[in-house]
C-alpha atoms as a PDB file:
ATOM      1  CA  MET A   1     -60.455  -8.111 120.273  1.00  0.00           C
ATOM      2  CA  ALA A   2     -59.600  -8.822 116.641  1.00  0.00           C
ATOM      3  CA  LYS A   3     -59.135  -5.459 114.939  1.00  0.00           C
ATOM      4  CA  ARG A   4     -57.342  -6.864 111.879  1.00  0.00           C
ATOM      5  CA  ILE A   5     -58.712 -10.026 110.295  1.00  0.00           C
ATOM      6  CA  LEU A   6     -56.893 -11.747 107.440  1.00  0.00           C
ATOM      7  CA  LEU A   7     -59.231 -13.757 105.219  1.00  0.00           C
ATOM      8  CA  PRO A   8     -57.474 -15.868 102.568  1.00  0.00           C
ATOM      9  CA  LEU A   9     -59.788 -16.949  99.745  1.00  0.00           C
ATOM     10  CA  ASP A  10     -59.266 -19.425  96.917  1.00  0.00           C
ATOM     11  CA  HIS A  11     -62.282 -19.185  94.566  1.00  0.00           C
ATOM     12  CA  THR A  12     -63.999 -22.154  96.257  1.00  0.00           C
ATOM     13  CA  PRO A  13     -67.302 -22.347  98.135  1.00  0.00           C
ATOM     14  CA  ASN A  14     -65.455 -24.171 100.925  1.00  0.00           C
ATOM     15  CA  GLY A  15     -63.009 -21.294 101.322  1.00  0.00           C
ATOM     16  CA  GLU A  16     -65.828 -18.750 101.288  1.00  0.00           C
ATOM     17  CA  ALA A  17     -67.840 -20.608 103.940  1.00  0.00           C
ATOM     18  CA  VAL A  18     -66.095 -18.647 106.690  1.00  0.00           C
ATOM     19  CA  LEU A  19     -67.251 -15.314 105.200  1.00  0.00           C
ATOM     20  CA  PRO A  20     -70.454 -14.912 107.294  1.00  0.00           C
ATOM     21  CA  LEU A  21     -68.537 -15.643 110.487  1.00  0.00           C
ATOM     22  CA  VAL A  22     -65.852 -13.105 109.594  1.00  0.00           C
ATOM     23  CA  ALA A  23     -68.494 -10.506 108.683  1.00  0.00           C
ATOM     24  CA  ASP A  24     -70.214 -10.912 112.071  1.00  0.00           C
ATOM     25  CA  LEU A  25     -66.900 -10.733 113.922  1.00  0.00           C
ATOM     26  CA  ALA A  26     -65.784  -7.659 111.975  1.00  0.00           C
ATOM     27  CA  ARG A  27     -69.063  -5.819 112.512  1.00  0.00           C
ATOM     28  CA  THR A  28     -69.072  -6.609 116.240  1.00  0.00           C
ATOM     29  CA  ALA A  29     -65.425  -5.682 116.809  1.00  0.00           C
ATOM     30  CA  GLY A  30     -65.182  -2.825 114.306  1.00  0.00           C
ATOM     31  CA  SER A  31     -62.450  -4.719 112.481  1.00  0.00           C
ATOM     32  CA  THR A  32     -60.715  -4.219 109.173  1.00  0.00           C
ATOM     33  CA  VAL A  33     -60.755  -7.288 106.949  1.00  0.00           C
ATOM     34  CA  ARG A  34     -57.947  -7.923 104.503  1.00  0.00           C
ATOM     35  CA  LEU A  35     -59.000 -10.263 101.715  1.00  0.00           C
ATOM     36  CA  LEU A  36     -56.092 -12.250 100.309  1.00  0.00           C
ATOM     37  CA  HIS A  37     -55.917 -14.371  97.195  1.00  0.00           C
ATOM     38  CA  VAL A  38     -52.745 -16.352  96.436  1.00  0.00           C
ATOM     39  CA  GLU A  39     -51.912 -17.741  93.006  1.00  0.00           C
ATOM     40  CA  PRO A  40     -48.959 -19.965  92.110  1.00  0.00           C
ATOM     41  CA  VAL A  41     -46.117 -18.177  90.358  1.00  0.00           C
ATOM     42  CA  PRO A  42     -46.974 -18.581  86.669  1.00  0.00           C
ATOM     43  CA  ASN A  43     -44.759 -19.918  83.918  1.00  0.00           C
ATOM     44  CA  ASN A  44     -44.853 -18.915  80.285  1.00  0.00           C
ATOM     45  CA  VAL A  45     -48.024 -20.155  78.580  1.00  0.00           C
ATOM     46  CA  VAL A  46     -47.040 -22.361  75.649  1.00  0.00           C
ATOM     47  CA  SER A  47     -49.311 -23.544  72.829  1.00  0.00           C
ATOM     48  CA  THR A  48     -49.507 -27.155  71.693  1.00  0.00           C
ATOM     49  CA  SER A  49     -47.117 -26.264  68.860  1.00  0.00           C
ATOM     50  CA  GLY A  50     -44.518 -25.055  71.363  1.00  0.00           C
ATOM     51  CA  GLN A  51     -44.879 -21.333  70.775  1.00  0.00           C
ATOM     52  CA  VAL A  52     -45.047 -18.949  73.712  1.00  0.00           C
ATOM     53  CA  VAL A  53     -48.576 -17.546  73.876  1.00  0.00           C
ATOM     54  CA  ALA A  54     -48.038 -15.413  76.988  1.00  0.00           C
ATOM     55  CA  TYR A  55     -44.924 -14.694  78.980  1.00  0.00           C
ATOM     56  CA  ALA A  56     -44.885 -15.233  82.740  1.00  0.00           C
ATOM     57  CA  ASP A  57     -45.212 -11.506  83.479  1.00  0.00           C
ATOM     58  CA  GLN A  58     -48.245 -11.252  81.181  1.00  0.00           C
ATOM     59  CA  GLU A  59     -49.799 -14.313  82.808  1.00  0.00           C
ATOM     60  CA  MET A  60     -49.086 -12.827  86.245  1.00  0.00           C
ATOM     61  CA  ALA A  61     -50.847  -9.593  85.258  1.00  0.00           C
ATOM     62  CA  ARG A  62     -53.841 -11.577  83.978  1.00  0.00           C
ATOM     63  CA  LEU A  63     -54.053 -13.661  87.162  1.00  0.00           C
ATOM     64  CA  GLU A  64     -53.698 -10.560  89.314  1.00  0.00           C
ATOM     65  CA  GLY A  65     -56.577  -8.920  87.446  1.00  0.00           C
ATOM     66  CA  GLU A  66     -58.778 -11.993  87.863  1.00  0.00           C
ATOM     67  CA  GLY A  67     -57.869 -12.198  91.559  1.00  0.00           C
ATOM     68  CA  SER A  68     -58.674  -8.515  92.074  1.00  0.00           C
ATOM     69  CA  THR A  69     -62.047  -8.905  90.356  1.00  0.00           C
ATOM     70  CA  TYR A  70     -62.820 -11.913  92.560  1.00  0.00           C
ATOM     71  CA  LEU A  71     -61.852 -10.031  95.743  1.00  0.00           C
ATOM     72  CA  ASP A  72     -63.922  -7.017  94.665  1.00  0.00           C
ATOM     73  CA  ALA A  73     -66.977  -9.278  94.390  1.00  0.00           C
ATOM     74  CA  ILE A  74     -66.330 -10.672  97.871  1.00  0.00           C
ATOM     75  CA  ALA A  75     -65.744  -7.183  99.288  1.00  0.00           C
ATOM     76  CA  ALA A  76     -69.169  -6.147  97.975  1.00  0.00           C
ATOM     77  CA  LEU A  77     -70.680  -8.766 100.294  1.00  0.00           C
ATOM     78  CA  LEU A  78     -69.019  -7.105 103.297  1.00  0.00           C
ATOM     79  CA  GLN A  79     -70.902  -3.820 103.096  1.00  0.00           C
ATOM     80  CA  GLY A  80     -70.141  -1.456 105.948  1.00  0.00           C
ATOM     81  CA  ILE A  81     -66.902  -3.221 106.873  1.00  0.00           C
ATOM     82  CA  PRO A  82     -63.512  -1.690 106.040  1.00  0.00           C
ATOM     83  CA  VAL A  83     -61.969  -4.059 103.492  1.00  0.00           C
ATOM     84  CA  GLU A  84     -58.528  -4.234 101.912  1.00  0.00           C
ATOM     85  CA  ARG A  85     -57.620  -6.515  99.011  1.00  0.00           C
ATOM     86  CA  VAL A  86     -54.299  -8.183  98.177  1.00  0.00           C
ATOM     87  CA  VAL A  87     -53.279 -10.638  95.461  1.00  0.00           C
ATOM     88  CA  ARG A  88     -49.971 -12.452  96.018  1.00  0.00           C
ATOM     89  CA  PHE A  89     -48.006 -15.110  94.165  1.00  0.00           C
ATOM     90  CA  GLY A  90     -46.245 -18.135  95.626  1.00  0.00           C
ATOM     91  CA  ASP A  91     -46.923 -20.989  98.022  1.00  0.00           C
ATOM     92  CA  PRO A  92     -50.333 -20.293  99.614  1.00  0.00           C
ATOM     93  CA  ALA A  93     -49.445 -21.207 103.209  1.00  0.00           C
ATOM     94  CA  GLN A  94     -46.181 -19.285 103.128  1.00  0.00           C
ATOM     95  CA  GLU A  95     -47.727 -16.214 101.498  1.00  0.00           C
ATOM     96  CA  ILE A  96     -50.624 -16.200 103.979  1.00  0.00           C
ATOM     97  CA  LEU A  97     -48.203 -16.246 106.913  1.00  0.00           C
ATOM     98  CA  ILE A  98     -46.122 -13.456 105.341  1.00  0.00           C
ATOM     99  CA  GLU A  99     -49.241 -11.364 104.710  1.00  0.00           C
ATOM    100  CA  ALA A 100     -50.491 -11.940 108.273  1.00  0.00           C
ATOM    101  CA  GLU A 101     -47.278 -10.475 109.616  1.00  0.00           C
ATOM    102  CA  ALA A 102     -47.174  -7.606 107.114  1.00  0.00           C
ATOM    103  CA  PHE A 103     -50.801  -6.698 107.882  1.00  0.00           C
ATOM    104  CA  GLY A 104     -50.362  -7.055 111.636  1.00  0.00           C
ATOM    105  CA  ALA A 105     -53.275  -9.496 111.673  1.00  0.00           C
ATOM    106  CA  ASP A 106     -54.871 -10.317 115.003  1.00  0.00           C
ATOM    107  CA  VAL A 107     -56.468 -13.442 113.532  1.00  0.00           C
ATOM    108  CA  ILE A 108     -56.396 -15.503 110.334  1.00  0.00           C
ATOM    109  CA  ALA A 109     -59.789 -16.932 109.336  1.00  0.00           C
ATOM    110  CA  LEU A 110     -59.801 -20.169 107.344  1.00  0.00           C
ATOM    111  CA  ALA A 111     -62.171 -22.927 106.322  1.00  0.00           C
ATOM    112  CA  THR A 112     -61.202 -26.563 105.908  1.00  0.00           C
ATOM    113  CA  SER A 113     -62.951 -29.710 104.810  1.00  0.00           C
ATOM    114  CA  ILE A 114     -60.813 -32.056 106.927  1.00  0.00           C
ATOM    115  CA  ARG A 115     -62.933 -33.482 109.746  1.00  0.00           C
ATOM    116  CA  SER A 116     -60.883 -36.208 111.371  1.00  0.00           C
ATOM    117  CA  PRO A 117     -58.411 -35.036 114.063  1.00  0.00           C
ATOM    118  CA  LEU A 118     -55.932 -37.696 112.928  1.00  0.00           C
ATOM    119  CA  ARG A 119     -56.171 -36.652 109.294  1.00  0.00           C
ATOM    120  CA  TRP A 120     -55.835 -33.026 110.371  1.00  0.00           C
ATOM    121  CA  THR A 121     -52.653 -33.845 112.310  1.00  0.00           C
ATOM    122  CA  LEU A 122     -51.170 -35.683 109.327  1.00  0.00           C
ATOM    123  CA  SER A 123     -52.433 -33.239 106.719  1.00  0.00           C
ATOM    124  CA  ARG A 124     -50.145 -31.210 104.512  1.00  0.00           C
ATOM    125  CA  SER A 125     -52.947 -28.882 103.465  1.00  0.00           C
ATOM    126  CA  SER A 126     -52.364 -25.152 103.482  1.00  0.00           C
ATOM    127  CA  ALA A 127     -54.826 -24.710 106.356  1.00  0.00           C
ATOM    128  CA  ALA A 128     -53.025 -27.284 108.497  1.00  0.00           C
ATOM    129  CA  ARG A 129     -49.614 -25.739 107.748  1.00  0.00           C
ATOM    130  CA  ILE A 130     -50.902 -22.258 108.603  1.00  0.00           C
ATOM    131  CA  PHE A 131     -52.509 -23.515 111.802  1.00  0.00           C
ATOM    132  CA  ARG A 132     -49.244 -25.125 112.916  1.00  0.00           C
ATOM    133  CA  LYS A 133     -46.917 -22.240 111.977  1.00  0.00           C
ATOM    134  CA  SER A 134     -48.963 -19.098 112.618  1.00  0.00           C
ATOM    135  CA  LYS A 135     -47.835 -16.648 115.288  1.00  0.00           C
ATOM    136  CA  VAL A 136     -51.381 -15.284 115.539  1.00  0.00           C
ATOM    137  CA  PRO A 137     -54.607 -17.137 116.367  1.00  0.00           C
ATOM    138  CA  VAL A 138     -56.265 -19.016 113.535  1.00  0.00           C
ATOM    139  CA  LEU A 139     -60.042 -19.116 113.367  1.00  0.00           C
ATOM    140  CA  LEU A 140     -60.731 -22.428 111.698  1.00  0.00           C
ATOM    141  CA  LEU A 141     -64.164 -23.374 110.379  1.00  0.00           C
ATOM    142  CA  ARG A 142     -64.487 -27.064 109.613  1.00  0.00           C
ATOM    143  CA  GLN A 143     -67.061 -27.867 106.939  1.00  0.00           C
END
């Protein structure tokens, strides 16, 4: 039984498509869902004239705030389910695998738009990399 479900989200309808399935699973199993949003590590934001508009740490704080707001909105859809929220920075596939281990996830729930088994095998997408490298089961919803 999946007591700890990791749900990585990326601000896309495709990524959120797995949400109803995760909600049903969590309600049935009495699971905790950890919502995860991963952003690339930001650089300094530079204007067209070459001046630094925001330093990397300021940009990171802004992105973390936006990610938290996004995850709060998703958490509101999971009423009655224990939800945790995490925003991380780095390579999405790598950070998802690290978070799965840190959380002690029983399952990682993902959505993908890749339909062809051959394309899936050859894919370098984050979902395909997670599926291949994960030590825990991956619930994969193909759109």
